[in-house]
Structure formats: C-alpha cells, structure tokens
Amino acid sequence: MKITVFVFLLASFFCSRSSADLFDQMINAVKDQAVLTATTVVTAKATELIINMIIDYSSEQTKTDEEVSKEYEAENGSLPENTTVSSYQTEILPGASVTPGTKVMVRSVIAVVPGKNATTAKIEESLTIFDSEDTSLVLKSMTKPAGQGSGKGGEFNSEFTFALPEGMPQGVYPIRSSLLLNGELVGDTSHELQLVLSIDYSVGEMVAVLEQVD
C-alpha cells in the first residue's frame, strides 16, 4: 500500500513538472509569435508608406577631368592605368535624428581620375533605405547618373533629398549610398537615420512619443 501511494505521488510530481514545462513552452511560443506579428505589421506599414515617397537627386560638376588629373599627378607622379575613384565622401543632413516630414539630404563629393587610356566614364550613384526592424529588407532604392556629360572623369557634388512620411514607424533606418563606375561598385558608405515623433531642440534631447494601442 505504501509503495502504491509513493508511486502515485511520484507520478503526480512528474506530471506536474511536465505540465509546468509545457505551459512555459506555450507561453514562450505565444510571446515569440506576438513579437513576429508585431514586427511584420511594422514592416508592412513602413513599406506601404514609403513606396510613394519621392526621392530627388541633383548633381553638379565642380572640376573637369583635366583639373582632377593634374591634381592627381601632382600628388602621385602619374595617372593610374585605369579610371579610378580617388574620393567618395558622404554626409547626412540635418543630422542622424529627424521627425516625419523633415527634409533629409544625403550629400556626396565624388572625384574620378581618368586612366591613361580611359574612355568616357559612366558614373552612377544609388541610394538605398532599409527597414528599421528587418535591416536586410530594402524599403526604397534608386540609381541616378552622377556625371551626365562628365567625359572621362572630374569632381562632382551630388545630393539625394527625401522626407520620411507621416505615419512611418519610429526607429533607426539604415541608409546606404553607393557609387558605380562603368557599372561596377567602387564606393559604398552607410548611415543610420533615427526617426522620432518629436525632437526638443531647447534641451538637446530627443523625445520619442510612443503610440498607444487601444
């Protein structure tokens, strides 16, 4: 009799432990699914809003290919064998944090040195905006000629401009600008743009107002 009661209690103990473990697994599964669903909703909202966002681009040649060649020769002694990008610098304005609707500018300075046997150089620049939740997901991308009528090279000032629309989920959006020379990637820079609902410039702090869900 005592043995039977002991076995019964022991079985009850393990059943309770198993039930508790199963319950914990169920709770964790629900939490994981909730996070996945929330991420999917945020990503879908960002994609829907940004799809109609306009990105403008402008480019101005500030030095001719002859001027850039002379500067390169003065520093390095001779021209490169092949056409080369000697400089690609970018910056994001007005800063790394903006509110929806704020004009954002990604400015670049591009210097392309003609090679000794260079022909006409095809210079292009692209801008890619990634999702804040799934940073591998491209929300918006465009490629534009950076030097129309540039000949064999030169120096150029370019600028992408856009404004993240109202309703975009707040977060940090990776932004990448890339330079292509005759179809090949020759320059790549990355920035992070944080979208917040309001910025209190008087105290120099960002104020992120969380959306309430009824």
Protein backbone atom coordinates (compact mmCIF):
# COMPACT_ATOMS: atom_id res chain seq x y z
CA MET A 1 0.00 0.00 0.00
CA LYS A 2 2.77 2.41 0.94
CA ILE A 3 4.60 1.59 -2.27
CA THR A 4 1.46 2.30 -4.33
CA VAL A 5 0.92 5.69 -2.68
CA PHE A 6 4.58 6.59 -3.21
CA VAL A 7 4.42 5.68 -6.90
CA PHE A 8 1.22 7.68 -7.27
CA LEU A 9 2.76 10.76 -5.63
CA LEU A 10 5.91 10.41 -7.70
CA ALA A 11 3.89 10.16 -10.90
CA SER A 12 1.82 13.18 -9.89
CA PHE A 13 5.03 15.15 -9.24
CA PHE A 14 6.45 14.42 -12.69
CA CYS A 15 3.13 15.12 -14.35
CA SER A 16 3.02 18.49 -12.59
CA ARG A 17 6.58 19.25 -13.71
CA SER A 18 5.76 18.21 -17.27
CA SER A 19 2.61 20.32 -17.28
CA ALA A 20 4.54 23.31 -15.96
CA ASP A 21 7.25 22.89 -18.60
CA LEU A 22 4.64 22.53 -21.31
CA PHE A 23 2.85 25.63 -20.07
CA ASP A 24 6.12 27.61 -20.11
CA GLN A 25 6.80 26.44 -23.65
CA MET A 26 3.34 27.53 -24.72
CA ILE A 27 3.80 30.97 -23.13
CA ASN A 28 7.18 31.43 -24.84
CA ALA A 29 5.71 30.36 -28.17
CA VAL A 30 2.90 32.90 -27.80
CA LYS A 31 5.41 35.63 -26.94
CA ASP A 32 7.61 34.76 -29.93
CA GLN A 33 4.60 34.77 -32.24
CA ALA A 34 3.47 38.14 -30.86
CA VAL A 35 6.90 39.66 -31.49
CA LEU A 36 6.97 38.21 -35.01
CA THR A 37 3.47 39.51 -35.75
CA ALA A 38 4.30 42.99 -34.42
CA THR A 39 7.50 43.11 -36.50
CA THR A 40 5.60 42.03 -39.60
CA VAL A 41 2.94 44.71 -39.04
CA VAL A 42 5.55 47.44 -38.53
CA THR A 43 7.48 46.38 -41.63
CA ALA A 44 4.32 46.24 -43.74
CA LYS A 45 3.30 49.71 -42.57
CA ALA A 46 6.72 51.18 -43.37
CA THR A 47 6.75 49.55 -46.81
CA GLU A 48 3.25 50.83 -47.62
CA LEU A 49 4.03 54.41 -46.60
CA ILE A 50 7.45 54.72 -48.21
CA ILE A 51 6.53 53.21 -51.56
CA ASN A 52 5.14 56.55 -52.81
CA MET A 53 7.84 58.66 -51.18
CA ILE A 54 9.68 60.86 -53.68
CA ILE A 55 13.49 60.92 -53.74
CA ASP A 56 15.04 63.81 -55.63
CA TYR A 57 18.58 63.83 -56.97
CA SER A 58 20.86 66.55 -58.26
CA SER A 59 24.48 66.55 -59.38
CA GLU A 60 26.85 69.35 -60.32
CA GLN A 61 30.32 69.06 -61.81
CA THR A 62 32.75 71.25 -59.89
CA LYS A 63 36.03 70.22 -61.59
CA THR A 64 36.79 68.97 -65.08
CA ASP A 65 38.60 65.71 -65.77
CA GLU A 66 41.70 67.72 -66.73
CA GLU A 67 41.72 69.55 -63.38
CA VAL A 68 41.32 66.33 -61.42
CA SER A 69 44.05 64.66 -63.48
CA LYS A 70 46.54 67.46 -62.80
CA GLU A 71 45.84 67.32 -59.05
CA TYR A 72 46.27 63.53 -59.02
CA GLU A 73 49.52 63.71 -60.98
CA ALA A 74 50.89 66.36 -58.63
CA GLU A 75 50.25 64.09 -55.62
CA ASN A 76 51.08 60.70 -57.14
CA GLY A 77 53.50 61.41 -60.01
CA SER A 78 51.41 59.91 -62.80
CA LEU A 79 47.90 58.92 -63.75
CA PRO A 80 46.54 55.45 -62.90
CA GLU A 81 46.36 52.82 -65.62
CA ASN A 82 42.59 52.62 -65.31
CA THR A 83 39.98 55.23 -64.43
CA THR A 84 39.82 55.43 -60.64
CA VAL A 85 37.59 56.93 -57.96
CA SER A 86 40.06 58.86 -55.82
CA SER A 87 37.48 60.13 -53.32
CA TYR A 88 33.90 59.38 -52.31
CA GLN A 89 32.66 61.20 -49.21
CA THR A 90 29.09 61.45 -47.98
CA GLU A 91 27.21 63.11 -45.14
CA ILE A 92 23.60 63.11 -43.97
CA LEU A 93 21.81 66.34 -43.03
CA PRO A 94 20.30 67.85 -40.92
CA GLY A 95 21.56 65.09 -38.62
CA ALA A 96 21.15 61.49 -37.55
CA SER A 97 17.70 62.13 -35.96
CA VAL A 98 14.66 63.59 -37.71
CA THR A 99 10.90 63.79 -37.36
CA PRO A 100 8.44 62.66 -40.06
CA GLY A 101 8.21 65.17 -42.90
CA THR A 102 11.66 66.64 -42.26
CA LYS A 103 13.76 67.11 -45.40
CA VAL A 104 16.75 64.77 -45.32
CA MET A 105 19.78 65.34 -47.55
CA VAL A 106 22.50 62.82 -48.35
CA ARG A 107 25.31 64.83 -49.91
CA SER A 108 28.31 63.40 -51.70
CA VAL A 109 31.61 64.63 -53.11
CA ILE A 110 32.88 62.38 -55.90
CA ALA A 111 36.28 62.57 -57.56
CA VAL A 112 37.01 60.37 -60.60
CA VAL A 113 40.51 60.35 -62.11
CA PRO A 114 40.78 59.29 -65.79
CA GLY A 115 43.17 56.43 -66.52
CA LYS A 116 45.97 56.71 -69.08
CA ASN A 117 43.89 55.00 -71.76
CA ALA A 118 40.49 55.99 -70.40
CA THR A 119 37.36 56.35 -72.46
CA THR A 120 34.12 58.03 -71.40
CA ALA A 121 33.32 57.20 -67.78
CA LYS A 122 29.79 56.21 -66.75
CA ILE A 123 29.36 57.44 -63.15
CA GLU A 124 26.23 56.49 -61.21
CA GLU A 125 25.14 56.88 -57.60
CA SER A 126 22.48 54.91 -55.76
CA LEU A 127 20.60 55.40 -52.50
CA THR A 128 19.05 52.52 -50.55
CA ILE A 129 16.81 52.81 -47.48
CA PHE A 130 16.40 49.69 -45.33
CA ASP A 131 13.68 48.71 -42.86
CA SER A 132 14.24 49.55 -39.19
CA GLU A 133 13.08 46.12 -37.98
CA ASP A 134 14.38 43.83 -40.73
CA THR A 135 17.57 45.61 -41.80
CA SER A 136 18.01 43.24 -44.74
CA LEU A 137 14.72 44.43 -46.27
CA VAL A 138 15.00 47.23 -48.84
CA LEU A 139 12.17 49.78 -48.50
CA LYS A 140 13.27 52.16 -51.23
CA SER A 141 16.14 52.32 -53.72
CA MET A 142 17.09 54.41 -56.73
CA THR A 143 20.10 54.89 -59.01
CA LYS A 144 20.91 58.10 -60.90
CA PRO A 145 23.70 59.30 -63.24
CA ALA A 146 26.16 61.28 -61.13
CA GLY A 147 28.00 62.90 -64.02
CA GLN A 148 25.99 63.41 -67.17
CA GLY A 149 28.30 64.68 -69.86
CA SER A 150 31.24 64.22 -67.49
CA GLY A 151 33.60 62.90 -70.16
CA LYS A 152 36.37 60.79 -68.68
CA GLY A 153 36.01 61.94 -65.07
CA GLY A 154 36.04 65.01 -62.82
CA GLU A 155 34.75 66.09 -59.44
CA PHE A 156 31.05 66.25 -58.63
CA ASN A 157 28.80 67.41 -55.80
CA SER A 158 25.61 65.38 -55.61
CA GLU A 159 22.59 65.28 -53.32
CA PHE A 160 19.72 62.91 -52.63
CA THR A 161 16.76 64.54 -50.85
CA PHE A 162 13.68 62.94 -49.30
CA ALA A 163 11.38 63.15 -46.28
CA LEU A 164 10.14 60.11 -44.39
CA PRO A 165 6.34 60.39 -44.47
CA GLU A 166 3.97 60.95 -41.57
CA GLY A 167 2.90 57.66 -40.02
CA MET A 168 6.22 55.89 -40.56
CA PRO A 169 7.07 53.75 -37.51
CA GLN A 170 9.79 55.30 -35.37
CA GLY A 171 13.10 53.52 -35.33
CA VAL A 172 16.58 53.55 -36.83
CA TYR A 173 16.60 53.20 -40.61
CA PRO A 174 19.92 52.18 -42.22
CA ILE A 175 20.76 54.19 -45.34
CA ARG A 176 23.42 53.23 -47.86
CA SER A 177 24.81 55.34 -50.70
CA SER A 178 26.83 53.58 -53.38
CA LEU A 179 28.95 54.71 -56.31
CA LEU A 180 29.22 52.80 -59.56
CA LEU A 181 31.84 53.34 -62.25
CA ASN A 182 31.04 51.78 -65.62
CA GLY A 183 28.56 49.50 -63.87
CA GLU A 184 30.91 48.30 -61.13
CA LEU A 185 30.60 49.13 -57.42
CA VAL A 186 33.56 51.33 -56.46
CA GLY A 187 32.32 53.16 -53.35
CA ASP A 188 29.94 52.40 -50.51
CA THR A 189 29.02 54.38 -47.38
CA SER A 190 26.44 53.73 -44.67
CA HIS A 191 24.45 55.98 -42.34
CA GLU A 192 21.77 55.43 -39.71
CA LEU A 193 18.75 57.73 -39.66
CA GLN A 194 16.67 57.67 -36.48
CA LEU A 195 13.03 58.62 -36.93
CA VAL A 196 11.35 60.02 -33.82
CA LEU A 197 7.98 61.68 -33.35
CA SER A 198 9.37 64.88 -31.87
CA ILE A 199 12.71 66.47 -31.05
CA ASP A 200 13.08 69.01 -28.25
CA TYR A 201 15.88 71.22 -29.55
CA SER A 202 15.71 73.51 -26.50
CA VAL A 203 17.21 70.84 -24.25
CA GLY A 204 19.11 68.99 -26.94
CA GLU A 205 17.28 65.72 -26.34
CA MET A 206 15.08 63.51 -28.46
CA VAL A 207 11.58 62.91 -27.22
CA ALA A 208 10.04 59.72 -28.60
CA VAL A 209 6.30 59.60 -28.04
CA LEU A 210 5.08 56.03 -28.04
CA GLU A 211 1.90 55.25 -29.91
CA GLN A 212 -0.90 53.85 -27.76
CA VAL A 213 -2.87 50.86 -28.99
CA ASP A 214 -6.49 50.74 -27.88
